[in-house]
Amino acid sequence: MWIKVNPGSDRSNFSTLYHLNGNEVPSDYVNLGDRVLCAFPMYNEIYYVNYDINTGNTNLYRTLAFFGKEGVWGYLHHSYSSLL
């Protein structure tokens, strides 16, 4: 996915880059499968969110900082495997 952060944009709240889930009720975020692939920018970080079936964690995430990258196009690759 290609993204560009516009200079001066307000990043104090979550915005959705993409959000794919495996639930019949997409607004339900408390079960495994709610966040199969999703990413949210907030402040100067992009949150990659998923879940961990082994621990039951429905909100497992990692962040990627993008300081000084305003106005520049960037490519994000985020993949998923059900085999892991």
Protein backbone atom coordinates (compact mmCIF):
# COMPACT_ATOMS: atom_id res chain seq x y z
CA MET A 1 0.00 0.00 0.00
CA TRP A 2 1.30 3.44 -0.88
CA ILE A 3 0.63 6.25 1.61
CA LYS A 4 1.61 9.88 1.99
CA VAL A 5 1.34 11.95 5.17
CA ASN A 6 0.31 15.47 4.26
CA PRO A 7 2.31 18.24 5.95
CA GLY A 8 0.39 19.86 8.80
CA SER A 9 -2.24 17.10 9.02
CA ASP A 10 -3.76 16.43 12.45
CA ARG A 11 -2.56 13.02 13.60
CA SER A 12 -3.69 13.25 17.23
CA ASN A 13 -6.50 10.71 16.68
CA PHE A 14 -6.57 7.30 15.07
CA SER A 15 -7.38 7.12 11.38
CA THR A 16 -7.84 3.89 9.50
CA LEU A 17 -5.45 3.04 6.68
CA TYR A 18 -7.05 -0.38 6.25
CA HIS A 19 -8.90 -2.85 8.46
CA LEU A 20 -9.67 -6.40 7.38
CA ASN A 21 -11.30 -8.82 9.79
CA GLY A 22 -12.75 -12.29 9.88
CA ASN A 23 -15.93 -11.61 11.86
CA GLU A 24 -19.56 -11.57 10.90
CA VAL A 25 -19.98 -8.42 13.04
CA PRO A 26 -17.22 -6.05 11.84
CA SER A 27 -17.72 -3.55 14.68
CA ASP A 28 -17.00 -6.24 17.31
CA TYR A 29 -13.35 -5.77 18.34
CA VAL A 30 -13.04 -8.10 21.35
CA ASN A 31 -12.70 -11.49 19.68
CA LEU A 32 -9.92 -13.28 17.84
CA GLY A 33 -10.13 -12.45 14.14
CA ASP A 34 -11.25 -8.86 14.70
CA ARG A 35 -7.99 -7.50 13.38
CA VAL A 36 -6.65 -9.89 10.77
CA LEU A 37 -4.87 -7.05 8.96
CA CYS A 38 -5.16 -3.43 9.97
CA ALA A 39 -3.05 -0.32 10.31
CA PHE A 40 -3.74 3.02 11.97
CA PRO A 41 -1.62 6.17 11.89
CA MET A 42 -1.47 8.20 15.10
CA TYR A 43 0.95 10.99 15.94
CA ASN A 44 4.22 10.00 14.24
CA GLU A 45 3.71 6.25 14.27
CA ILE A 46 1.80 3.65 12.31
CA TYR A 47 0.20 0.95 14.45
CA TYR A 48 0.11 -2.50 12.88
CA VAL A 49 -2.56 -4.43 14.72
CA ASN A 50 -3.33 -8.14 14.69
CA TYR A 51 -4.15 -10.87 17.21
CA ASP A 52 -2.36 -13.81 18.82
CA ILE A 53 -4.33 -17.03 18.91
CA ASN A 54 -1.79 -18.71 21.22
CA THR A 55 -2.15 -16.16 24.03
CA GLY A 56 -5.70 -15.02 23.25
CA ASN A 57 -4.51 -11.42 22.82
CA THR A 58 -7.09 -9.71 20.59
CA ASN A 59 -5.11 -6.46 20.36
CA LEU A 60 -1.51 -7.33 19.54
CA TYR A 61 0.29 -4.43 17.88
CA ARG A 62 3.66 -3.07 16.85
CA THR A 63 4.51 0.47 15.83
CA LEU A 64 6.63 1.99 13.09
CA ALA A 65 7.84 5.58 13.46
CA PHE A 66 7.78 7.89 10.45
CA PHE A 67 9.43 11.06 11.77
CA GLY A 68 10.34 13.63 9.14
CA LYS A 69 8.50 11.79 6.38
CA GLU A 70 5.71 14.32 5.75
CA GLY A 71 4.89 14.96 2.11
CA VAL A 72 6.84 11.90 0.93
CA TRP A 73 5.24 8.77 -0.51
CA GLY A 74 6.01 5.55 1.35
CA TYR A 75 5.23 1.91 0.67
CA LEU A 76 3.82 -0.29 3.45
CA HIS A 77 3.84 -4.05 3.19
CA HIS A 78 1.76 -5.89 5.78
CA SER A 79 1.04 -9.57 5.31
CA TYR A 80 -0.68 -12.39 7.17
CA SER A 81 -0.36 -16.15 7.23
CA SER A 82 -2.80 -18.47 8.96
CA LEU A 83 -0.04 -21.08 9.11
CA LEU A 84 1.96 -19.27 11.81
